[in-house]
Protein backbone atom coordinates (compact mmCIF):
# COMPACT_ATOMS: atom_id res chain seq x y z
CA MET A 1 -1.06 -12.19 -12.47
CA SER A 2 -1.75 -15.10 -10.14
CA ASN A 3 -5.16 -15.87 -8.70
CA LEU A 4 -3.97 -14.82 -5.21
CA GLU A 5 -2.71 -11.47 -6.49
CA ALA A 6 -6.01 -10.83 -8.27
CA LYS A 7 -7.97 -11.60 -5.10
CA THR A 8 -5.69 -9.30 -3.10
CA ILE A 9 -6.33 -6.42 -5.50
CA VAL A 10 -10.09 -7.01 -5.34
CA ALA A 11 -9.96 -7.12 -1.53
CA ARG A 12 -7.96 -3.89 -1.40
CA ARG A 13 -10.41 -2.08 -3.68
CA PHE A 14 -13.38 -3.36 -1.71
CA CYS A 15 -11.91 -2.24 1.61
CA TRP A 16 -11.09 1.21 0.24
CA GLY A 17 -14.64 1.52 -1.12
CA TRP A 18 -16.05 0.42 2.23
CA LEU A 19 -13.85 2.86 4.12
CA ILE A 20 -14.72 5.80 1.88
CA GLY A 21 -18.44 4.94 1.95
CA SER A 22 -18.47 4.66 5.74
CA ALA A 23 -16.51 7.90 6.00
CA ALA A 24 -19.06 9.69 3.81
CA VAL A 25 -21.95 8.45 5.97
CA SER A 26 -20.06 9.42 9.13
CA ILE A 27 -19.36 12.92 7.81
CA LEU A 28 -23.01 13.33 6.81
CA GLY A 29 -24.17 12.34 10.27
CA VAL A 30 -21.77 14.65 12.10
CA VAL A 31 -22.53 17.57 9.77
CA THR A 32 -26.26 17.03 10.26
CA HIS A 33 -25.74 17.04 14.02
CA ALA A 34 -23.74 20.26 13.73
CA VAL A 35 -26.46 21.96 11.69
CA LEU A 36 -29.39 20.78 13.82
CA GLY A 37 -27.59 20.80 17.16
CA SER A 38 -26.59 23.55 19.55
CA ALA A 39 -23.19 24.32 18.05
CA ARG A 40 -22.43 28.07 18.10
CA SER A 41 -21.02 27.79 14.57
CA PRO A 42 -22.45 24.91 12.53
CA LEU A 43 -19.99 25.73 9.74
CA ILE A 44 -16.95 25.27 11.97
CA ALA A 45 -18.40 22.09 13.44
CA SER A 46 -19.08 20.72 9.94
CA VAL A 47 -15.59 21.57 8.68
CA LEU A 48 -14.07 20.00 11.77
CA ALA A 49 -16.00 16.77 11.20
CA PHE A 50 -14.87 16.68 7.57
CA VAL A 51 -11.22 17.33 8.42
CA ILE A 52 -11.13 14.62 11.10
CA VAL A 53 -12.35 11.95 8.69
CA MET A 54 -10.07 13.15 5.88
CA ILE A 55 -7.06 12.93 8.19
CA GLN A 56 -8.00 9.34 9.01
CA LEU A 57 -8.24 8.47 5.31
CA ALA A 58 -4.93 10.22 4.59
CA ALA A 59 -3.16 8.40 7.42
CA THR A 60 -4.38 5.03 6.16
CA TYR A 61 -3.29 5.84 2.62
CA ALA A 62 0.10 7.07 3.87
CA VAL A 63 0.82 3.63 5.32
CA HIS A 64 -0.07 2.10 1.96
CA VAL A 65 2.21 4.54 0.12
CA LEU A 66 5.16 3.79 2.38
CA VAL A 67 4.96 0.10 1.58
CA GLN A 68 4.56 0.82 -2.13
CA ALA A 69 7.75 2.89 -1.96
CA GLY A 70 9.60 0.07 -0.21
CA LEU A 71 9.95 1.95 3.11
CA VAL A 72 9.00 -0.86 5.47
CA GLY A 73 11.21 -0.06 8.46
CA THR A 74 10.82 2.37 11.35
CA ALA A 75 8.92 4.94 9.27
CA TYR A 76 6.29 2.33 8.43
CA LEU A 77 5.87 1.30 12.08
CA TRP A 78 5.42 4.90 13.21
CA ALA A 79 2.96 5.61 10.39
CA ARG A 80 0.95 2.50 11.18
CA GLY A 81 0.80 3.39 14.89
CA GLY A 82 -0.29 6.92 14.02
CA ALA A 83 -2.99 5.63 11.67
CA VAL A 84 -4.38 3.39 14.42
CA ALA A 85 -4.38 6.26 16.96
CA ILE A 86 -6.09 8.62 14.50
CA ALA A 87 -8.71 5.98 13.67
CA PHE A 88 -9.46 5.51 17.39
CA GLY A 89 -9.78 9.27 17.97
CA ALA A 90 -12.06 9.70 14.96
CA PHE A 91 -14.18 6.78 16.17
CA VAL A 92 -14.76 8.38 19.59
CA LEU A 93 -15.54 11.88 18.28
CA ASN A 94 -17.89 10.71 15.54
CA PHE A 95 -19.60 8.23 17.85
CA VAL A 96 -20.49 10.96 20.36
CA ALA A 97 -21.93 13.27 17.68
CA GLN A 98 -23.95 10.53 15.96
CA PHE A 99 -25.24 9.17 19.27
CA SER A 100 -26.55 12.62 20.12
CA LEU A 101 -28.12 12.89 16.65
CA VAL A 102 -30.07 9.64 16.79
CA THR A 103 -31.27 10.13 20.37
CA ILE A 104 -32.48 13.72 19.93
CA TRP A 105 -33.63 13.94 16.32
CA ALA A 106 -34.43 10.31 15.45
CA ALA A 107 -36.15 9.65 18.81
CA ILE A 108 -34.40 6.30 19.20
CA PRO A 109 -34.35 5.10 22.82
CA ILE A 110 -31.02 5.66 24.53
CA PHE A 111 -30.52 2.01 25.45
CA ILE A 112 -30.34 1.02 21.76
CA ALA A 113 -29.31 4.33 20.18
CA TRP A 114 -25.62 3.45 20.54
CA ILE A 115 -26.02 0.70 17.93
CA VAL A 116 -26.46 3.17 15.04
CA PRO A 117 -23.19 5.11 15.42
CA LEU A 118 -21.44 1.88 16.36
CA ILE A 119 -22.37 0.29 13.03
CA ILE A 120 -21.25 3.34 11.06
CA ASP A 121 -17.98 3.86 12.89
CA LEU A 122 -17.18 0.15 13.05
CA GLY A 123 -17.48 0.15 9.27
CA MET A 124 -14.64 2.64 9.14
CA THR A 125 -12.66 0.82 11.82
CA VAL A 126 -12.97 -2.67 10.33
CA SER A 127 -12.15 -1.48 6.80
CA THR A 128 -9.11 0.40 8.13
CA ILE A 129 -7.90 -2.71 9.98
CA ALA A 130 -8.43 -4.82 6.87
CA LEU A 131 -6.41 -2.39 4.75
CA LEU A 132 -3.60 -2.37 7.30
CA ALA A 133 -3.64 -6.17 7.30
CA LEU A 134 -3.28 -6.22 3.51
CA VAL A 135 -0.45 -3.71 3.75
CA ASN A 136 1.24 -5.82 6.44
CA GLU A 137 1.11 -8.82 4.11
CA GLN A 138 2.76 -6.84 1.33
CA ARG A 139 5.37 -5.56 3.80
CA ALA A 140 6.13 -9.12 4.87
CA GLU A 141 6.70 -10.09 1.23
CA GLN A 142 9.16 -7.23 0.77
CA LEU A 143 11.02 -8.07 3.98
CA GLY A 144 11.18 -11.71 2.93
CA ALA A 145 12.58 -10.75 -0.46
CA ALA A 146 15.15 -8.49 1.19
CA ALA A 147 16.20 -11.28 3.57
CA HIS A 148 16.58 -13.65 0.64
CA HIS A 149 18.79 -11.15 -1.10
CA ASP A 150 20.93 -10.58 2.00
CA ALA A 151 21.47 -14.31 2.37
CA GLN A 152 22.71 -14.63 -1.20
CA PRO A 153 26.42 -13.83 -1.73
CA ALA A 154 27.12 -10.89 -3.98
CA ALA A 155 29.35 -12.98 -6.19
CA ALA A 156 26.59 -15.51 -6.73
CA VAL A 157 24.19 -12.77 -7.73
CA HIS A 158 26.72 -11.41 -10.19
CA VAL A 159 27.27 -14.85 -11.70
CA GLU A 160 23.50 -15.44 -11.92
CA VAL A 161 22.98 -12.15 -13.74
CA HIS A 162 25.87 -12.90 -16.06
CA ASN A 163 24.62 -16.39 -16.83
CA THR A 164 21.07 -15.17 -17.41
CA VAL A 165 22.24 -12.52 -19.83
CA ARG A 166 24.45 -15.06 -21.60
CA ALA A 167 21.47 -17.38 -22.01
CA GLU A 168 19.39 -14.68 -23.68
CA THR A 169 22.04 -13.83 -26.25
CA HIS A 170 21.23 -15.37 -29.60
CA THR A 171 24.34 -14.29 -31.42
CA THR A 172 27.21 -16.69 -31.97
CA HIS A 173 29.86 -14.06 -31.34
CA ASP A 174 31.34 -14.45 -27.87
CA ASP A 175 32.45 -10.83 -27.69
CA ALA A 176 28.83 -9.65 -27.86
CA GLN A 177 27.89 -11.29 -24.53
CA PRO A 178 29.83 -8.97 -22.15
CA ALA A 179 28.37 -5.96 -23.95
CA ARG A 180 24.86 -7.32 -23.35
CA HIS A 181 25.65 -7.79 -19.67
CA ASP A 182 27.08 -4.28 -19.36
CA ALA A 183 23.97 -2.86 -21.01
CA HIS A 184 21.73 -4.40 -18.36
CA LEU A 185 23.97 -3.19 -15.54
CA ASP A 186 24.08 0.33 -16.95
CA THR A 187 20.29 0.44 -17.20
CA ALA A 188 19.96 -1.02 -13.70
CA GLN A 189 22.33 1.60 -12.31
CA ARG A 190 20.27 4.36 -13.92
CA ILE A 191 17.03 2.97 -12.49
CA VAL A 192 18.45 2.74 -8.98
CA THR A 193 19.92 6.23 -9.23
CA GLN A 194 16.51 7.60 -10.23
CA GLY A 195 15.02 6.06 -7.09
CA VAL A 196 12.61 3.81 -8.98
CA ALA A 197 13.69 0.77 -6.96
CA ARG A 198 15.38 0.56 -3.56
CA ILE A 199 17.21 -2.70 -4.18
CA ALA A 200 20.71 -3.62 -5.28
CA VAL A 201 21.79 -2.83 -8.85
CA GLU A 202 22.51 -6.51 -9.48
CA ARG A 203 18.91 -7.47 -8.62
CA VAL A 204 17.54 -4.80 -10.95
CA ALA A 205 19.83 -6.12 -13.69
CA LEU A 206 18.58 -9.65 -12.98
CA VAL A 207 14.98 -8.48 -13.39
CA LEU A 208 15.83 -6.85 -16.73
CA ALA A 209 17.70 -9.93 -17.89
CA VAL A 210 14.86 -12.32 -17.05
CA HIS A 211 12.37 -10.03 -18.76
CA ALA A 212 14.53 -9.78 -21.87
CA GLN A 213 14.94 -13.53 -21.97
CA THR A 214 11.37 -14.65 -21.23
CA GLY A 215 9.10 -11.63 -21.68
CA ALA A 216 7.21 -12.88 -18.61
CA THR A 217 4.77 -10.85 -16.52
CA PRO A 218 5.97 -8.94 -13.44
CA SER A 219 4.46 -11.54 -11.10
CA VAL A 220 6.34 -14.39 -12.80
CA ILE A 221 9.58 -12.41 -12.89
CA GLY A 222 9.10 -11.53 -9.22
CA LYS A 223 8.80 -15.19 -8.26
CA ARG A 224 11.95 -16.07 -10.21
CA THR A 225 14.05 -13.21 -8.85
CA GLY A 226 12.63 -12.73 -5.33
CA VAL A 227 11.62 -9.13 -6.13
CA HIS A 228 8.08 -7.94 -5.37
CA HIS A 229 5.94 -7.88 -8.49
CA GLU A 230 5.04 -4.19 -8.08
CA THR A 231 8.74 -3.32 -7.85
CA VAL A 232 9.32 -5.39 -10.99
CA ALA A 233 6.60 -3.45 -12.78
CA ARG A 234 8.19 -0.13 -11.83
CA ILE A 235 11.60 -1.34 -13.03
CA LEU A 236 10.20 -2.44 -16.39
CA ASP A 237 8.32 0.83 -16.82
CA ALA A 238 11.49 2.81 -16.18
CA ALA A 239 13.72 0.65 -18.39
């Protein structure tokens, strides 16, 4: 794993922790307002506050899952737009409830009371934006890899796979080399059929061949083959 990949993972975990922590504080504030406020049913108001925040978290995670699954087209764009709209709606609703809480029960003057809910809700907003930015970066990598594959002729890919498999063969019998190549292609076909990877069979076979030859990590294999390292990891796990 490269230093950049390690930093990306740390950033993603931090942003998720920040988002979940801010969401917990936001839920606590809205529930407290529902219990202490003038809501006819504090229980319903509390459940509503919880559901709103959970939907925001689920929408953000759904965008992440789409990219992990390799679905970076129209579905991703719609999901990202929905996540942004949900985050904005949750921000407004939670802001109003928390503003009322701090002005009535914390006796904070109105002209500065808006700062408290703003800090809490901006924590959720900024962490959501940061997560979407990280997901966009991963999506760009997958689109770049796909463009690289489209620009490469199919025959060249086939020859590259064949040559890679030939290089890994340590036997001196020439008739053993085609069998080794066929074995990689058969495994690659099975992996694609199972839906583990949404790339061409030849590229899956190339990943398997490079791994068999070098035993390198998914990140190194990804750089050599133009396949995202997480996709490489799934291919190797399913092989």
